[in-house]
Amino acid sequence: MMKRLTKTVAVLALGIGLSGAASADQLADIKAAGKIVAATEMHFAPFDILVDGEYQGICRELFDEVAKELGVTAEYLDLPWSSVLPGLEAAKFDIVNAPVTITAERMARYSFTLPMGNATVALAKKAGDTSIMAPADIAGKAVGSQKGSAQLDQLKAFSATLATPVDIREYVNIDEALADLAAGRIQAVANSMPLMGYAAVQRPDTFELVMPPFGDPKYFAWVARPGDESASLISAINEALLKMHADGRLDAINAKWLGTAPELPVEMPAVQ
């Protein structure tokens, strides 16, 4: 199932625009080509990970199953997060299979699939740090989060409710933030609960999850370009996800990586 990825493929794909110009029916074009080209940033474990050049993670396994349901082959691009959504808008690829947090602002700009992950914000701290026992304990402390993420926005909103604002540090990717946490340069990292929990499970001597999560419940989904062009594609992917809900594949893949399967809605959640 796993295919070796190379940066050369990603660069060439972006340079020539694998999906080409937008057309009236994106799904028809994808089926005619026999492939769907998806982009993500492969530094967001456990959803997207590069291991010895191989793309792995929840999104890889889920999207491979979706591609099978569509009757096409999935091809994946590894891009910096800051270029993923702009690349989608420029029709450089067909869809973003990164776990994108559903927000009202993004829903006005993109077409979302049904949720495929939990995006509620939680904190990771240094293992054994008793100065942070609850989210409010990050008041006045240095906390990292990812640039351009919905979790960063929620961290900023939460910081504004505290007596002493959080010293928020923004990182290009979450791996860099966790590296600074491990080195003691910051005191916590804020991101989705599954991501922070996975970091704590993988490196229990280094990281610890701070519970409960904070902020409103949020969900991850995949995104396509807006409008009628992508309507049939989104509908087909949603049908595939509902089938995976029913036959247990969605829960099984989540449980494999997280140790548990989060409860996910089978309808689009209301967002503010």
C-alpha atoms as a PDB file:
ATOM      1  CA  MET A   1       0.000   0.000   0.000  1.00  0.00           C
ATOM      2  CA  MET A   2       2.813   2.358   0.888  1.00  0.00           C
ATOM      3  CA  LYS A   3       4.531   4.088  -2.032  1.00  0.00           C
ATOM      4  CA  ARG A   4       7.911   5.740  -1.816  1.00  0.00           C
ATOM      5  CA  LEU A   5       7.650   9.479  -2.158  1.00  0.00           C
ATOM      6  CA  THR A   6      10.355  11.803  -3.366  1.00  0.00           C
ATOM      7  CA  LYS A   7      10.706  15.534  -3.125  1.00  0.00           C
ATOM      8  CA  THR A   8      11.383  15.556  -6.853  1.00  0.00           C
ATOM      9  CA  VAL A   9       7.888  14.235  -7.533  1.00  0.00           C
ATOM     10  CA  ALA A  10       6.356  16.867  -5.274  1.00  0.00           C
ATOM     11  CA  VAL A  11       8.302  19.705  -6.900  1.00  0.00           C
ATOM     12  CA  LEU A  12       7.497  18.563 -10.418  1.00  0.00           C
ATOM     13  CA  ALA A  13       3.855  18.086  -9.520  1.00  0.00           C
ATOM     14  CA  LEU A  14       3.574  21.615  -8.235  1.00  0.00           C
ATOM     15  CA  GLY A  15       5.487  23.027 -11.150  1.00  0.00           C
ATOM     16  CA  ILE A  16       3.222  21.582 -13.819  1.00  0.00           C
ATOM     17  CA  GLY A  17      -0.038  21.526 -11.846  1.00  0.00           C
ATOM     18  CA  LEU A  18      -1.102  17.881 -11.941  1.00  0.00           C
ATOM     19  CA  SER A  19      -4.789  18.720 -11.779  1.00  0.00           C
ATOM     20  CA  GLY A  20      -4.552  21.366 -14.463  1.00  0.00           C
ATOM     21  CA  ALA A  21      -7.166  24.007 -14.970  1.00  0.00           C
ATOM     22  CA  ALA A  22     -10.446  23.770 -13.107  1.00  0.00           C
ATOM     23  CA  SER A  23     -13.323  22.094 -14.923  1.00  0.00           C
ATOM     24  CA  ALA A  24     -17.059  21.733 -14.422  1.00  0.00           C
ATOM     25  CA  ASP A  25     -16.900  18.257 -12.829  1.00  0.00           C
ATOM     26  CA  GLN A  26     -13.784  17.489 -10.841  1.00  0.00           C
ATOM     27  CA  LEU A  27     -14.850  13.940  -9.956  1.00  0.00           C
ATOM     28  CA  ALA A  28     -15.346  13.061 -13.621  1.00  0.00           C
ATOM     29  CA  ASP A  29     -11.862  14.359 -14.426  1.00  0.00           C
ATOM     30  CA  ILE A  30     -10.337  12.364 -11.566  1.00  0.00           C
ATOM     31  CA  LYS A  31     -12.023   9.154 -12.665  1.00  0.00           C
ATOM     32  CA  ALA A  32     -10.974   9.747 -16.257  1.00  0.00           C
ATOM     33  CA  ALA A  33      -7.368  10.195 -15.113  1.00  0.00           C
ATOM     34  CA  GLY A  34      -7.583   7.180 -12.812  1.00  0.00           C
ATOM     35  CA  LYS A  35      -5.947   9.050  -9.945  1.00  0.00           C
ATOM     36  CA  ILE A  36      -6.602  11.682  -7.318  1.00  0.00           C
ATOM     37  CA  VAL A  37      -3.728  13.959  -6.294  1.00  0.00           C
ATOM     38  CA  ALA A  38      -3.815  14.971  -2.624  1.00  0.00           C
ATOM     39  CA  ALA A  39      -1.520  17.331  -0.726  1.00  0.00           C
ATOM     40  CA  THR A  40      -0.614  17.523   2.939  1.00  0.00           C
ATOM     41  CA  GLU A  41       2.278  18.344   5.243  1.00  0.00           C
ATOM     42  CA  MET A  42       3.805  15.066   6.376  1.00  0.00           C
ATOM     43  CA  HIS A  43       4.936  16.366   9.771  1.00  0.00           C
ATOM     44  CA  PHE A  44       1.706  16.140  11.755  1.00  0.00           C
ATOM     45  CA  ALA A  45       1.791  12.799  13.571  1.00  0.00           C
ATOM     46  CA  PRO A  46      -0.243  10.674  13.887  1.00  0.00           C
ATOM     47  CA  PHE A  47      -2.237  11.978  10.922  1.00  0.00           C
ATOM     48  CA  ASP A  48       0.611  12.540   8.464  1.00  0.00           C
ATOM     49  CA  ILE A  49       4.137  11.184   8.989  1.00  0.00           C
ATOM     50  CA  LEU A  50       7.231  10.511   6.895  1.00  0.00           C
ATOM     51  CA  VAL A  51       9.107   7.413   8.095  1.00  0.00           C
ATOM     52  CA  ASP A  52      12.273   6.669   6.094  1.00  0.00           C
ATOM     53  CA  GLY A  53      10.710   8.367   3.081  1.00  0.00           C
ATOM     54  CA  GLU A  54       7.418   6.494   3.392  1.00  0.00           C
ATOM     55  CA  TYR A  55       4.166   8.386   3.971  1.00  0.00           C
ATOM     56  CA  GLN A  56       2.240   6.910   6.890  1.00  0.00           C
ATOM     57  CA  GLY A  57      -0.486   7.906   9.346  1.00  0.00           C
ATOM     58  CA  ILE A  58      -4.222   8.163   9.866  1.00  0.00           C
ATOM     59  CA  CYS A  59      -4.867  10.376   6.838  1.00  0.00           C
ATOM     60  CA  ARG A  60      -2.809   8.144   4.542  1.00  0.00           C
ATOM     61  CA  GLU A  61      -4.688   5.007   5.550  1.00  0.00           C
ATOM     62  CA  LEU A  62      -8.121   6.652   5.524  1.00  0.00           C
ATOM     63  CA  PHE A  63      -7.579   8.342   2.176  1.00  0.00           C
ATOM     64  CA  ASP A  64      -6.231   5.162   0.595  1.00  0.00           C
ATOM     65  CA  GLU A  65      -9.551   3.527   1.519  1.00  0.00           C
ATOM     66  CA  VAL A  66     -11.511   6.475   0.107  1.00  0.00           C
ATOM     67  CA  ALA A  67      -9.551   6.274  -3.159  1.00  0.00           C
ATOM     68  CA  LYS A  68     -10.453   2.578  -3.415  1.00  0.00           C
ATOM     69  CA  GLU A  69     -14.122   3.476  -3.002  1.00  0.00           C
ATOM     70  CA  LEU A  70     -13.760   6.070  -5.782  1.00  0.00           C
ATOM     71  CA  GLY A  71     -12.055   3.489  -7.996  1.00  0.00           C
ATOM     72  CA  VAL A  72      -8.859   5.513  -8.454  1.00  0.00           C
ATOM     73  CA  THR A  73      -5.250   5.573  -7.240  1.00  0.00           C
ATOM     74  CA  ALA A  74      -4.176   8.162  -4.671  1.00  0.00           C
ATOM     75  CA  GLU A  75      -0.992  10.167  -5.209  1.00  0.00           C
ATOM     76  CA  TYR A  76       0.379  12.318  -2.379  1.00  0.00           C
ATOM     77  CA  LEU A  77       2.401  15.519  -2.202  1.00  0.00           C
ATOM     78  CA  ASP A  78       4.401  16.637   0.865  1.00  0.00           C
ATOM     79  CA  LEU A  79       4.297  20.446   1.160  1.00  0.00           C
ATOM     80  CA  PRO A  80       4.883  23.070   3.862  1.00  0.00           C
ATOM     81  CA  TRP A  81       1.568  23.790   5.569  1.00  0.00           C
ATOM     82  CA  SER A  82       1.773  27.454   4.548  1.00  0.00           C
ATOM     83  CA  SER A  83       1.566  26.440   0.865  1.00  0.00           C
ATOM     84  CA  VAL A  84      -1.061  23.689   1.100  1.00  0.00           C
ATOM     85  CA  LEU A  85      -4.270  25.748   1.044  1.00  0.00           C
ATOM     86  CA  PRO A  86      -2.903  28.318  -1.455  1.00  0.00           C
ATOM     87  CA  GLY A  87      -1.872  25.410  -3.688  1.00  0.00           C
ATOM     88  CA  LEU A  88      -5.417  24.053  -3.531  1.00  0.00           C
ATOM     89  CA  GLU A  89      -6.843  27.426  -4.548  1.00  0.00           C
ATOM     90  CA  ALA A  90      -4.419  27.540  -7.487  1.00  0.00           C
ATOM     91  CA  ALA A  91      -5.600  24.062  -8.636  1.00  0.00           C
ATOM     92  CA  LYS A  92      -2.139  22.527  -8.215  1.00  0.00           C
ATOM     93  CA  PHE A  93      -3.772  19.316  -6.949  1.00  0.00           C
ATOM     94  CA  ASP A  94      -7.232  17.877  -6.401  1.00  0.00           C
ATOM     95  CA  ILE A  95      -7.748  17.910  -2.650  1.00  0.00           C
ATOM     96  CA  VAL A  96      -6.072  18.540   0.696  1.00  0.00           C
ATOM     97  CA  ASN A  97      -5.955  15.315   2.704  1.00  0.00           C
ATOM     98  CA  ALA A  98      -4.350  17.033   5.672  1.00  0.00           C
ATOM     99  CA  PRO A  99      -6.550  17.181   8.780  1.00  0.00           C
ATOM    100  CA  VAL A 100      -7.953  20.706   8.355  1.00  0.00           C
ATOM    101  CA  THR A 101      -9.945  22.113  11.257  1.00  0.00           C
ATOM    102  CA  ILE A 102     -13.509  22.989  10.285  1.00  0.00           C
ATOM    103  CA  THR A 103     -14.153  26.676  10.992  1.00  0.00           C
ATOM    104  CA  ALA A 104     -16.828  29.069   9.756  1.00  0.00           C
ATOM    105  CA  GLU A 105     -14.201  31.212   8.033  1.00  0.00           C
ATOM    106  CA  ARG A 106     -12.780  28.227   6.151  1.00  0.00           C
ATOM    107  CA  MET A 107     -16.227  26.877   5.276  1.00  0.00           C
ATOM    108  CA  ALA A 108     -16.911  30.147   3.481  1.00  0.00           C
ATOM    109  CA  ARG A 109     -13.764  29.618   1.413  1.00  0.00           C
ATOM    110  CA  TYR A 110     -13.501  25.856   0.821  1.00  0.00           C
ATOM    111  CA  SER A 111     -15.636  22.730   0.441  1.00  0.00           C
ATOM    112  CA  PHE A 112     -15.264  20.402   3.443  1.00  0.00           C
ATOM    113  CA  THR A 113     -15.843  16.674   3.659  1.00  0.00           C
ATOM    114  CA  LEU A 114     -17.462  15.082   6.688  1.00  0.00           C
ATOM    115  CA  PRO A 115     -15.238  15.019   9.794  1.00  0.00           C
ATOM    116  CA  MET A 116     -12.531  12.352   9.929  1.00  0.00           C
ATOM    117  CA  GLY A 117     -10.807  13.401  13.175  1.00  0.00           C
ATOM    118  CA  ASN A 118     -11.119  15.265  16.466  1.00  0.00           C
ATOM    119  CA  ALA A 119      -9.479  18.710  16.544  1.00  0.00           C
ATOM    120  CA  THR A 120     -10.272  19.934  20.064  1.00  0.00           C
ATOM    121  CA  VAL A 121      -7.257  21.769  21.495  1.00  0.00           C
ATOM    122  CA  ALA A 122      -5.139  20.267  24.258  1.00  0.00           C
ATOM    123  CA  LEU A 123      -1.710  20.886  25.737  1.00  0.00           C
ATOM    124  CA  ALA A 124       1.429  18.793  25.921  1.00  0.00           C
ATOM    125  CA  LYS A 125       3.901  19.635  28.679  1.00  0.00           C
ATOM    126  CA  LYS A 126       7.298  18.323  29.731  1.00  0.00           C
ATOM    127  CA  ALA A 127       6.861  15.033  31.574  1.00  0.00           C
ATOM    128  CA  GLY A 128       6.870  15.620  35.338  1.00  0.00           C
ATOM    129  CA  ASP A 129       6.224  19.380  35.133  1.00  0.00           C
ATOM    130  CA  THR A 130       3.914  19.957  38.098  1.00  0.00           C
ATOM    131  CA  SER A 131       3.601  23.691  37.369  1.00  0.00           C
ATOM    132  CA  ILE A 132       1.041  22.896  34.631  1.00  0.00           C
ATOM    133  CA  MET A 133      -1.784  20.699  35.917  1.00  0.00           C
ATOM    134  CA  ALA A 134      -4.661  22.327  34.044  1.00  0.00           C
ATOM    135  CA  PRO A 135      -4.912  24.547  30.934  1.00  0.00           C
ATOM    136  CA  ALA A 136      -5.165  27.773  32.966  1.00  0.00           C
ATOM    137  CA  ASP A 137      -1.710  27.069  34.435  1.00  0.00           C
ATOM    138  CA  ILE A 138      -0.051  28.208  31.188  1.00  0.00           C
ATOM    139  CA  ALA A 139      -0.741  31.851  32.157  1.00  0.00           C
ATOM    140  CA  GLY A 140       2.514  33.771  31.723  1.00  0.00           C
ATOM    141  CA  LYS A 141       4.340  30.742  30.290  1.00  0.00           C
ATOM    142  CA  ALA A 142       5.869  30.198  26.842  1.00  0.00           C
ATOM    143  CA  VAL A 143       3.611  27.978  24.734  1.00  0.00           C
ATOM    144  CA  GLY A 144       4.171  26.917  21.144  1.00  0.00           C
ATOM    145  CA  SER A 145       1.628  26.296  18.394  1.00  0.00           C
ATOM    146  CA  GLN A 146       1.623  26.030  14.599  1.00  0.00           C
ATOM    147  CA  LYS A 147       1.430  29.082  12.363  1.00  0.00           C
ATOM    148  CA  GLY A 148      -1.814  29.414  10.448  1.00  0.00           C
ATOM    149  CA  SER A 149      -3.616  26.742  12.477  1.00  0.00           C
ATOM    150  CA  ALA A 150      -7.063  26.944  14.042  1.00  0.00           C
ATOM    151  CA  GLN A 151      -5.458  25.669  17.243  1.00  0.00           C
ATOM    152  CA  LEU A 152      -3.211  28.742  17.343  1.00  0.00           C
ATOM    153  CA  ASP A 153      -6.307  30.949  17.056  1.00  0.00           C
ATOM    154  CA  GLN A 154      -7.944  29.082  19.942  1.00  0.00           C
ATOM    155  CA  LEU A 155      -4.779  29.390  22.036  1.00  0.00           C
ATOM    156  CA  LYS A 156      -4.800  33.155  21.462  1.00  0.00           C
ATOM    157  CA  ALA A 157      -8.468  33.370  22.460  1.00  0.00           C
ATOM    158  CA  PHE A 158      -7.826  31.288  25.586  1.00  0.00           C
ATOM    159  CA  SER A 159      -4.802  33.412  26.493  1.00  0.00           C
ATOM    160  CA  ALA A 160      -6.998  36.518  26.440  1.00  0.00           C
ATOM    161  CA  THR A 161      -9.139  35.024  29.234  1.00  0.00           C
ATOM    162  CA  LEU A 162      -6.196  34.539  31.604  1.00  0.00           C
ATOM    163  CA  ALA A 163      -4.957  37.029  34.184  1.00  0.00           C
ATOM    164  CA  THR A 164      -1.479  36.912  32.640  1.00  0.00           C
ATOM    165  CA  PRO A 165      -1.278  36.430  28.853  1.00  0.00           C
ATOM    166  CA  VAL A 166       0.520  33.429  27.438  1.00  0.00           C
ATOM    167  CA  ASP A 167       3.867  34.014  25.726  1.00  0.00           C
ATOM    168  CA  ILE A 168       2.807  32.440  22.424  1.00  0.00           C
ATOM    169  CA  ARG A 169       5.527  31.141  20.104  1.00  0.00           C
ATOM    170  CA  GLU A 170       4.583  30.301  16.499  1.00  0.00           C
ATOM    171  CA  TYR A 171       6.253  27.435  14.634  1.00  0.00           C
ATOM    172  CA  VAL A 172       6.289  26.355  10.998  1.00  0.00           C
ATOM    173  CA  ASN A 173       5.421  22.793  12.024  1.00  0.00           C
ATOM    174  CA  ILE A 174       4.505  21.063  15.250  1.00  0.00           C
ATOM    175  CA  ASP A 175       7.653  18.909  15.289  1.00  0.00           C
ATOM    176  CA  GLU A 176       9.716  22.061  15.842  1.00  0.00           C
ATOM    177  CA  ALA A 177       7.476  23.117  18.722  1.00  0.00           C
ATOM    178  CA  LEU A 178       7.779  19.702  20.387  1.00  0.00           C
ATOM    179  CA  ALA A 179      11.563  19.796  19.943  1.00  0.00           C
ATOM    180  CA  ASP A 180      11.691  23.136  21.777  1.00  0.00           C
ATOM    181  CA  LEU A 181       9.449  21.724  24.515  1.00  0.00           C
ATOM    182  CA  ALA A 182      11.753  18.741  24.946  1.00  0.00           C
ATOM    183  CA  ALA A 183      14.741  21.108  25.125  1.00  0.00           C
ATOM    184  CA  GLY A 184      13.053  23.294  27.757  1.00  0.00           C
ATOM    185  CA  ARG A 185      12.840  26.402  25.559  1.00  0.00           C
ATOM    186  CA  ILE A 186       9.055  26.522  25.981  1.00  0.00           C
ATOM    187  CA  GLN A 187       6.789  25.088  28.691  1.00  0.00           C
ATOM    188  CA  ALA A 188       3.941  23.627  26.605  1.00  0.00           C
ATOM    189  CA  VAL A 189       2.630  23.024  23.099  1.00  0.00           C
ATOM    190  CA  ALA A 190      -0.998  23.585  22.077  1.00  0.00           C
ATOM    191  CA  ASN A 191      -2.516  21.573  19.260  1.00  0.00           C
ATOM    192  CA  SER A 192      -5.238  19.022  18.622  1.00  0.00           C
ATOM    193  CA  MET A 193      -5.889  16.517  21.406  1.00  0.00           C
ATOM    194  CA  PRO A 194      -5.052  13.472  19.238  1.00  0.00           C
ATOM    195  CA  LEU A 195      -1.743  15.000  18.181  1.00  0.00           C
ATOM    196  CA  MET A 196      -0.699  15.903  21.710  1.00  0.00           C
ATOM    197  CA  GLY A 197      -1.878  12.567  23.069  1.00  0.00           C
ATOM    198  CA  TYR A 198       0.077  10.707  20.385  1.00  0.00           C
ATOM    199  CA  ALA A 199       3.250  12.627  21.291  1.00  0.00           C
ATOM    200  CA  ALA A 200       2.795  11.669  24.956  1.00  0.00           C
ATOM    201  CA  VAL A 201       2.149   8.003  24.116  1.00  0.00           C
ATOM    202  CA  GLN A 202       5.177   7.805  21.823  1.00  0.00           C
ATOM    203  CA  ARG A 203       7.568   9.590  24.211  1.00  0.00           C
ATOM    204  CA  PRO A 204       6.171   9.208  27.748  1.00  0.00           C
ATOM    205  CA  ASP A 205       9.531  10.061  29.329  1.00  0.00           C
ATOM    206  CA  THR A 206       9.526  13.419  27.525  1.00  0.00           C
ATOM    207  CA  PHE A 207       5.925  14.585  27.095  1.00  0.00           C
ATOM    208  CA  GLU A 208       2.715  14.467  29.107  1.00  0.00           C
ATOM    209  CA  LEU A 209      -0.826  15.341  28.043  1.00  0.00           C
ATOM    210  CA  VAL A 210      -2.599  18.065  30.039  1.00  0.00           C
ATOM    211  CA  MET A 211      -6.286  17.381  30.505  1.00  0.00           C
ATOM    212  CA  PRO A 212      -8.987  18.493  29.983  1.00  0.00           C
ATOM    213  CA  PRO A 213      -8.788  20.016  26.503  1.00  0.00           C
ATOM    214  CA  PHE A 214      -9.915  23.625  26.191  1.00  0.00           C
ATOM    215  CA  GLY A 215     -12.041  25.609  23.767  1.00  0.00           C
ATOM    216  CA  ASP A 216     -15.074  24.525  21.776  1.00  0.00           C
ATOM    217  CA  PRO A 217     -15.212  20.999  20.338  1.00  0.00           C
ATOM    218  CA  LYS A 218     -13.637  21.026  16.887  1.00  0.00           C
ATOM    219  CA  TYR A 219     -13.261  18.502  14.090  1.00  0.00           C
ATOM    220  CA  PHE A 220     -10.828  17.739  11.293  1.00  0.00           C
ATOM    221  CA  ALA A 221     -11.906  17.173   7.694  1.00  0.00           C
ATOM    222  CA  TRP A 222     -10.418  17.266   4.198  1.00  0.00           C
ATOM    223  CA  VAL A 223     -10.979  20.189   1.845  1.00  0.00           C
ATOM    224  CA  ALA A 224     -11.500  20.788  -1.862  1.00  0.00           C
ATOM    225  CA  ARG A 225     -11.994  23.920  -3.870  1.00  0.00           C
ATOM    226  CA  PRO A 226     -15.372  25.640  -3.392  1.00  0.00           C
ATOM    227  CA  GLY A 227     -18.346  25.665  -5.712  1.00  0.00           C
ATOM    228  CA  ASP A 228     -20.097  23.316  -8.094  1.00  0.00           C
ATOM    229  CA  GLU A 229     -16.816  22.040  -9.547  1.00  0.00           C
ATOM    230  CA  SER A 230     -16.021  19.984  -6.434  1.00  0.00           C
ATOM    231  CA  ALA A 231     -19.597  19.144  -5.378  1.00  0.00           C
ATOM    232  CA  SER A 232     -19.603  15.666  -6.902  1.00  0.00           C
ATOM    233  CA  LEU A 233     -16.149  14.913  -5.457  1.00  0.00           C
ATOM    234  CA  ILE A 234     -17.164  15.945  -1.937  1.00  0.00           C
ATOM    235  CA  SER A 235     -20.373  13.931  -2.222  1.00  0.00           C
ATOM    236  CA  ALA A 236     -18.471  10.813  -3.320  1.00  0.00           C
ATOM    237  CA  ILE A 237     -15.910  11.155  -0.524  1.00  0.00           C
ATOM    238  CA  ASN A 238     -18.684  11.622   2.036  1.00  0.00           C
ATOM    239  CA  GLU A 239     -20.389   8.476   0.776  1.00  0.00           C
ATOM    240  CA  ALA A 240     -17.097   6.617   1.210  1.00  0.00           C
ATOM    241  CA  LEU A 241     -16.635   7.961   4.750  1.00  0.00           C
ATOM    242  CA  LEU A 242     -20.190   6.996   5.729  1.00  0.00           C
ATOM    243  CA  LYS A 243     -19.539   3.488   4.394  1.00  0.00           C
ATOM    244  CA  MET A 244     -16.338   3.355   6.473  1.00  0.00           C
ATOM    245  CA  HIS A 245     -18.291   4.485   9.546  1.00  0.00           C
ATOM    246  CA  ALA A 246     -20.768   1.661   8.984  1.00  0.00           C
ATOM    247  CA  ASP A 247     -18.298  -1.144   8.298  1.00  0.00           C
ATOM    248  CA  GLY A 248     -15.849  -0.163  11.048  1.00  0.00           C
ATOM    249  CA  ARG A 249     -12.867   0.804   8.905  1.00  0.00           C
ATOM    250  CA  LEU A 250     -12.821   4.419  10.106  1.00  0.00           C
ATOM    251  CA  ASP A 251     -12.833   3.415  13.786  1.00  0.00           C
ATOM    252  CA  ALA A 252     -10.244   0.687  13.225  1.00  0.00           C
ATOM    253  CA  ILE A 253      -7.757   3.029  11.563  1.00  0.00           C
ATOM    254  CA  ASN A 254      -8.184   5.681  14.262  1.00  0.00           C
ATOM    255  CA  ALA A 255      -7.824   3.083  17.030  1.00  0.00           C
ATOM    256  CA  LYS A 256      -4.661   1.686  15.434  1.00  0.00           C
ATOM    257  CA  TRP A 257      -2.919   5.055  15.764  1.00  0.00           C
ATOM    258  CA  LEU A 258      -4.611   6.576  18.816  1.00  0.00           C
ATOM    259  CA  GLY A 259      -5.453   3.552  20.952  1.00  0.00           C
ATOM    260  CA  THR A 260      -9.100   4.619  20.798  1.00  0.00           C
ATOM    261  CA  ALA A 261     -11.591   5.772  18.177  1.00  0.00           C
ATOM    262  CA  PRO A 262     -12.990   9.280  18.717  1.00  0.00           C
ATOM    263  CA  GLU A 263     -16.719   9.735  18.304  1.00  0.00           C
ATOM    264  CA  LEU A 264     -17.213  11.581  15.034  1.00  0.00           C
ATOM    265  CA  PRO A 265     -20.412  13.112  13.611  1.00  0.00           C
ATOM    266  CA  VAL A 266     -21.960  11.662  10.462  1.00  0.00           C
ATOM    267  CA  GLU A 267     -23.345  15.066   9.520  1.00  0.00           C
ATOM    268  CA  MET A 268     -21.550  18.380   9.156  1.00  0.00           C
ATOM    269  CA  PRO A 269     -21.228  19.938  12.628  1.00  0.00           C
ATOM    270  CA  ALA A 270     -22.488  23.422  13.314  1.00  0.00           C
ATOM    271  CA  VAL A 271     -19.612  25.908  13.485  1.00  0.00           C
ATOM    272  CA  GLN A 272     -19.373  29.476  14.684  1.00  0.00           C
END
